[in-house]
């Protein structure tokens, strides 16, 4: 591939405090710098190839959505323009441009807030077995990818790196973080989903489901991490939507399909991806950005 792909970062004046599956986190004292690389994971394993522009798409979409939803809930963004960053970061301006965010620190709420508008993924698997998702009973006879009668809030544990997030019930979440905070998180999560879903539909995209992370900063509940990206959300092209089967999506579907086709056992090390899969996946990420933001990725 000819594109410049960034799969790891090391800044001139800082070393990463943490490397996630996709993002490198730098501790600047009072703030964090989040840098989105072009790494891609599948089945909880980071793949050897990066996806061109993926980190820039994730950052650009998060920047758009954090601004779009700031009237619903405050968020952790301080700056996304490199010229507004501290002087010690300016030597790495070219690397950081378009793929980084300066954010305020927060004490993370250790539950992922998942909202589902349609029946897909693990929710569909659970419904087929039990007629329920996370202890919530659903009507009989629903089809795969069908719009749910009402939004579902289905929290999961926030697992440490290398472990799987596990679904929990809302009652278990109340035991974990408290009843008042749970109710507040449910209300905010639904309000965020409705706001984004309306914009997505106007852009020709169905927002199937998504996950949020929240934190407490000086006693204020704020939205953190990333928001409404193809890595944290399931987006479907509205013009191809057909309930009763799996849908095409704006994410790493080509990667997962390829790995399933070759029979990879989902254990490290992951196999190399062919150029065709890398190119198609990059195009899907960029298309999601173009439809949602209304312009091409810079």
Protein backbone atom coordinates (compact mmCIF):
# COMPACT_ATOMS: atom_id res chain seq x y z
CA UNK A 1 0.00 0.00 0.00
CA UNK A 2 1.32 3.42 -0.89
CA UNK A 3 -0.52 5.38 1.81
CA UNK A 4 1.22 6.48 4.96
CA UNK A 5 -0.05 4.15 7.69
CA UNK A 6 0.62 4.91 11.37
CA UNK A 7 0.44 1.79 13.55
CA UNK A 8 2.47 3.07 16.51
CA UNK A 9 3.44 6.47 17.91
CA UNK A 10 6.32 7.68 20.04
CA UNK A 11 6.43 11.42 20.59
CA UNK A 12 9.61 13.44 20.92
CA UNK A 13 8.97 14.53 24.51
CA UNK A 14 6.58 11.86 25.78
CA UNK A 15 6.20 8.10 25.81
CA UNK A 16 2.74 6.49 25.82
CA UNK A 17 1.25 5.83 29.25
CA UNK A 18 -0.97 3.21 27.63
CA UNK A 19 -1.47 1.60 24.23
CA UNK A 20 -4.95 0.29 23.52
CA UNK A 21 -6.07 -1.72 20.53
CA UNK A 22 -6.22 1.43 18.43
CA UNK A 23 -5.29 4.49 20.50
CA UNK A 24 -2.08 5.58 22.20
CA UNK A 25 -2.60 7.57 25.41
CA UNK A 26 -0.13 10.17 26.63
CA UNK A 27 -0.26 11.57 30.16
CA UNK A 28 0.51 15.31 30.09
CA UNK A 29 -0.08 15.88 33.80
CA UNK A 30 -3.36 17.79 33.90
CA UNK A 31 -4.59 16.41 30.57
CA UNK A 32 -4.39 13.38 28.33
CA UNK A 33 -3.42 13.36 24.67
CA UNK A 34 -5.27 10.63 22.75
CA UNK A 35 -3.69 9.63 19.43
CA UNK A 36 -5.70 7.38 17.11
CA UNK A 37 -3.44 5.09 15.11
CA UNK A 38 -4.40 3.09 12.02
CA UNK A 39 -4.28 -0.20 13.97
CA UNK A 40 -7.25 -2.49 13.53
CA UNK A 41 -8.39 -5.37 15.71
CA UNK A 42 -10.73 -8.25 15.02
CA UNK A 43 -12.04 -10.75 17.55
CA UNK A 44 -10.04 -8.85 20.22
CA UNK A 45 -6.69 -9.38 18.45
CA UNK A 46 -4.71 -6.52 16.89
CA UNK A 47 -3.85 -7.32 13.28
CA UNK A 48 -0.39 -6.83 11.74
CA UNK A 49 -1.64 -4.44 9.04
CA UNK A 50 -2.91 -0.93 9.57
CA UNK A 51 -5.83 0.59 7.63
CA UNK A 52 -4.97 3.85 5.80
CA UNK A 53 -6.79 6.91 7.23
CA UNK A 54 -8.58 4.88 9.92
CA UNK A 55 -7.17 6.91 12.82
CA UNK A 56 -8.01 10.18 11.10
CA UNK A 57 -11.58 8.98 10.46
CA UNK A 58 -12.06 7.96 14.10
CA UNK A 59 -10.72 11.30 15.34
CA UNK A 60 -12.64 13.36 12.78
CA UNK A 61 -15.93 11.62 13.52
CA UNK A 62 -15.45 11.86 17.29
CA UNK A 63 -14.65 15.56 16.92
CA UNK A 64 -17.86 16.04 14.87
CA UNK A 65 -20.07 14.08 17.27
CA UNK A 66 -18.62 15.53 20.49
CA UNK A 67 -19.47 18.97 19.13
CA UNK A 68 -22.88 17.82 17.84
CA UNK A 69 -23.92 16.34 21.20
CA UNK A 70 -22.42 18.87 23.63
CA UNK A 71 -25.90 20.25 24.36
CA UNK A 72 -26.93 16.76 25.55
CA UNK A 73 -23.93 16.14 27.81
CA UNK A 74 -20.53 17.76 28.37
CA UNK A 75 -17.46 15.91 27.08
CA UNK A 76 -13.73 15.71 27.65
CA UNK A 77 -12.52 17.66 24.60
CA UNK A 78 -10.11 20.54 25.28
CA UNK A 79 -8.65 20.97 21.78
CA UNK A 80 -8.31 19.08 18.52
CA UNK A 81 -6.16 21.60 16.62
CA UNK A 82 -2.44 20.94 17.11
CA UNK A 83 -1.55 24.64 17.23
CA UNK A 84 -3.61 24.85 20.44
CA UNK A 85 -1.62 22.05 22.10
CA UNK A 86 1.23 22.64 24.60
CA UNK A 87 4.60 23.72 23.17
CA UNK A 88 6.19 20.34 23.98
CA UNK A 89 3.93 18.69 21.38
CA UNK A 90 4.64 21.06 18.50
CA UNK A 91 7.69 19.10 17.28
CA UNK A 92 5.30 16.24 16.47
CA UNK A 93 2.67 18.43 14.79
CA UNK A 94 2.76 16.57 11.47
CA UNK A 95 2.12 13.20 13.13
CA UNK A 96 -0.61 14.54 15.43
CA UNK A 97 -2.54 16.56 12.85
CA UNK A 98 -5.99 15.10 12.30
CA UNK A 99 -5.53 12.04 14.53
CA UNK A 100 -5.26 13.44 18.06
CA UNK A 101 -7.35 15.06 20.78
CA UNK A 102 -6.28 16.92 23.92
CA UNK A 103 -8.77 15.95 26.63
CA UNK A 104 -9.42 16.54 30.29
CA UNK A 105 -8.86 13.75 32.74
CA UNK A 106 -11.80 12.00 34.33
CA UNK A 107 -12.46 9.11 36.66
CA UNK A 108 -13.92 6.51 34.31
CA UNK A 109 -17.25 4.90 35.14
CA UNK A 110 -16.34 1.24 34.85
CA UNK A 111 -19.37 0.21 32.82
CA UNK A 112 -19.82 0.49 29.06
CA UNK A 113 -23.20 1.97 28.18
CA UNK A 114 -24.58 0.12 25.15
CA UNK A 115 -27.73 1.31 23.37
CA UNK A 116 -29.44 -0.86 20.77
CA UNK A 117 -31.98 0.37 18.24
CA UNK A 118 -31.98 -2.77 16.09
CA UNK A 119 -31.60 -6.49 16.70
CA UNK A 120 -28.09 -7.48 15.61
CA UNK A 121 -24.78 -8.93 16.73
CA UNK A 122 -24.61 -10.41 20.22
CA UNK A 123 -28.10 -9.08 20.91
CA UNK A 124 -29.51 -11.19 18.08
CA UNK A 125 -27.60 -14.25 19.33
CA UNK A 126 -28.95 -13.77 22.85
CA UNK A 127 -32.51 -13.21 21.60
CA UNK A 128 -32.41 -16.42 19.55
CA UNK A 129 -31.40 -18.43 22.62
CA UNK A 130 -33.50 -16.83 25.37
CA UNK A 131 -35.87 -14.24 23.89
CA UNK A 132 -34.02 -11.70 26.05
CA UNK A 133 -31.07 -9.31 25.91
CA UNK A 134 -29.30 -8.63 29.23
CA UNK A 135 -32.33 -9.85 31.17
CA UNK A 136 -34.80 -7.73 29.19
CA UNK A 137 -37.63 -9.70 27.59
CA UNK A 138 -38.44 -8.91 23.96
CA UNK A 139 -41.55 -9.73 21.91
CA UNK A 140 -41.53 -13.10 20.12
CA UNK A 141 -41.03 -13.33 16.37
CA UNK A 142 -38.53 -10.52 15.81
CA UNK A 143 -36.22 -10.95 12.83
CA UNK A 144 -32.49 -10.35 12.59
CA UNK A 145 -31.68 -6.66 11.97
CA UNK A 146 -35.28 -5.63 12.75
CA UNK A 147 -35.89 -2.30 14.44
CA UNK A 148 -36.63 -2.87 18.12
CA UNK A 149 -40.00 -1.73 19.53
CA UNK A 150 -38.07 0.67 21.77
CA UNK A 151 -34.44 1.48 22.50
CA UNK A 152 -32.65 -1.02 24.75
CA UNK A 153 -29.93 -0.14 27.26
CA UNK A 154 -27.68 -3.20 27.64
CA UNK A 155 -24.60 -2.42 29.76
CA UNK A 156 -21.38 -4.42 29.83
CA UNK A 157 -18.44 -4.62 32.16
CA UNK A 158 -15.41 -2.55 31.16
CA UNK A 159 -12.80 -5.29 30.89
CA UNK A 160 -9.07 -4.83 31.20
CA UNK A 161 -6.98 -5.18 28.05
CA UNK A 162 -6.95 -8.73 26.71
CA UNK A 163 -10.21 -9.63 28.46
CA UNK A 164 -13.75 -9.60 27.08
CA UNK A 165 -16.47 -7.17 28.13
CA UNK A 166 -19.27 -9.16 29.71
CA UNK A 167 -22.97 -8.22 29.52
CA UNK A 168 -24.65 -7.33 32.82
CA UNK A 169 -28.22 -6.48 33.78
CA UNK A 170 -29.32 -2.97 34.70
CA UNK A 171 -29.83 -4.19 38.29
CA UNK A 172 -26.22 -5.42 38.37
CA UNK A 173 -25.12 -2.02 37.06
CA UNK A 174 -27.05 -0.31 39.86
CA UNK A 175 -25.19 -2.50 42.36
CA UNK A 176 -21.90 -1.62 40.67
CA UNK A 177 -22.15 2.18 40.27
CA UNK A 178 -25.26 3.18 42.22
CA UNK A 179 -28.93 3.64 41.32
CA UNK A 180 -28.86 7.41 40.73
CA UNK A 181 -25.84 7.31 38.45
CA UNK A 182 -27.28 4.33 36.55
CA UNK A 183 -30.56 6.18 35.89
CA UNK A 184 -28.64 9.28 34.80
CA UNK A 185 -26.46 7.25 32.42
CA UNK A 186 -29.48 5.53 30.87
CA UNK A 187 -31.26 8.84 30.25
CA UNK A 188 -28.17 10.48 28.74
CA UNK A 189 -27.33 7.43 26.61
CA UNK A 190 -30.84 7.36 25.13
CA UNK A 191 -30.76 11.13 24.46
CA UNK A 192 -27.37 10.81 22.71
CA UNK A 193 -28.58 7.89 20.61
CA UNK A 194 -31.75 9.70 19.52
CA UNK A 195 -29.85 12.85 18.57
CA UNK A 196 -27.24 10.97 16.54
CA UNK A 197 -29.77 8.58 15.01
CA UNK A 198 -31.75 11.48 13.55
CA UNK A 199 -28.65 13.03 11.97
CA UNK A 200 -27.48 9.64 10.69
CA UNK A 201 -30.84 8.92 9.05
CA UNK A 202 -30.72 12.33 7.34
CA UNK A 203 -27.28 11.28 6.05
CA UNK A 204 -28.50 7.97 4.62
CA UNK A 205 -27.19 5.87 7.50
CA UNK A 206 -28.97 3.70 10.06
CA UNK A 207 -27.45 3.75 13.54
CA UNK A 208 -28.02 0.18 14.70
CA UNK A 209 -26.27 0.26 18.08
CA UNK A 210 -23.43 1.99 19.87
CA UNK A 211 -21.45 2.07 23.08
CA UNK A 212 -20.48 5.03 25.26
CA UNK A 213 -17.94 5.59 27.98
CA UNK A 214 -18.43 8.20 30.68
CA UNK A 215 -16.29 9.68 33.42
CA UNK A 216 -16.55 12.07 36.34
CA UNK A 217 -14.49 15.27 36.15
CA UNK A 218 -14.72 17.62 39.16
CA UNK A 219 -18.00 15.95 40.03
CA UNK A 220 -19.45 16.45 36.54
CA UNK A 221 -20.53 13.49 34.41
CA UNK A 222 -18.90 13.79 30.98
CA UNK A 223 -18.70 11.75 27.77
CA UNK A 224 -15.18 10.40 27.14
CA UNK A 225 -13.16 8.14 24.83
CA UNK A 226 -14.68 8.12 21.30
CA UNK A 227 -18.27 8.58 20.17
CA UNK A 228 -20.34 7.32 17.21
CA UNK A 229 -17.39 6.00 15.20
CA UNK A 230 -17.40 2.81 13.10
CA UNK A 231 -15.31 1.23 15.89
CA UNK A 232 -17.86 2.00 18.63
CA UNK A 233 -21.06 1.83 16.58
CA UNK A 234 -22.77 -0.33 14.01
CA UNK A 235 -23.71 1.83 11.00
CA UNK A 236 -25.72 0.45 8.09
CA UNK A 237 -26.35 2.05 4.66
CA UNK A 238 -30.07 2.92 4.71
CA UNK A 239 -30.59 2.27 1.01
CA UNK A 240 -29.46 -1.37 1.38
CA UNK A 241 -31.34 -2.10 4.63
CA UNK A 242 -33.33 -5.33 4.50
CA UNK A 243 -34.43 -6.91 7.80
CA UNK A 244 -34.30 -10.68 8.21
CA UNK A 245 -30.57 -11.06 7.54
CA UNK A 246 -27.20 -9.50 8.43
CA UNK A 247 -26.60 -6.04 6.96
CA UNK A 248 -23.63 -4.46 5.24
CA UNK A 249 -21.86 -2.05 7.58
CA UNK A 250 -19.41 0.85 7.64
CA UNK A 251 -16.70 -0.81 9.70
CA UNK A 252 -14.29 -3.73 9.64
CA UNK A 253 -16.79 -6.11 8.08
CA UNK A 254 -14.44 -6.91 5.18
CA UNK A 255 -11.71 -7.79 7.70
CA UNK A 256 -13.93 -10.07 9.78
CA UNK A 257 -15.36 -11.73 6.64
CA UNK A 258 -11.87 -12.42 5.27
CA UNK A 259 -10.60 -13.86 8.56
CA UNK A 260 -13.65 -16.12 8.79
CA UNK A 261 -13.23 -17.26 5.18
CA UNK A 262 -9.62 -18.35 5.72
CA UNK A 263 -10.54 -20.19 8.93
CA UNK A 264 -8.33 -18.23 11.34
CA UNK A 265 -8.75 -19.63 14.87
CA UNK A 266 -9.01 -16.11 16.41
CA UNK A 267 -5.86 -16.61 18.49
CA UNK A 268 -2.67 -14.52 18.10
CA UNK A 269 -0.76 -14.06 15.97
CA UNK A 270 -3.25 -12.72 13.45
CA UNK A 271 -2.61 -13.27 9.73
CA UNK A 272 -1.58 -10.55 7.29
CA UNK A 273 -4.43 -8.92 5.37
CA UNK A 274 -4.38 -8.76 1.56
CA UNK A 275 -4.30 -5.33 -0.08
CA UNK A 276 -7.83 -5.73 -1.43
CA UNK A 277 -9.28 -6.14 2.07
CA UNK A 278 -7.22 -3.23 3.41
CA UNK A 279 -8.33 -0.96 0.56
CA UNK A 280 -12.04 -1.86 0.87
CA UNK A 281 -11.98 -1.34 4.64
CA UNK A 282 -10.27 2.05 4.31
CA UNK A 283 -12.88 3.09 1.74
CA UNK A 284 -15.73 2.12 4.10
CA UNK A 285 -14.29 4.19 6.96
CA UNK A 286 -13.82 7.21 4.69
CA UNK A 287 -17.35 6.80 3.28
CA UNK A 288 -18.83 6.83 6.78
CA UNK A 289 -16.98 10.10 7.46
CA UNK A 290 -18.16 11.66 4.18
CA UNK A 291 -21.82 10.79 4.75
CA UNK A 292 -21.95 11.84 8.40
CA UNK A 293 -19.83 15.02 8.26
CA UNK A 294 -20.99 15.99 4.77
CA UNK A 295 -17.53 16.40 3.25
CA UNK A 296 -14.52 14.33 2.27
CA UNK A 297 -11.91 13.46 4.90
CA UNK A 298 -9.30 16.28 4.77
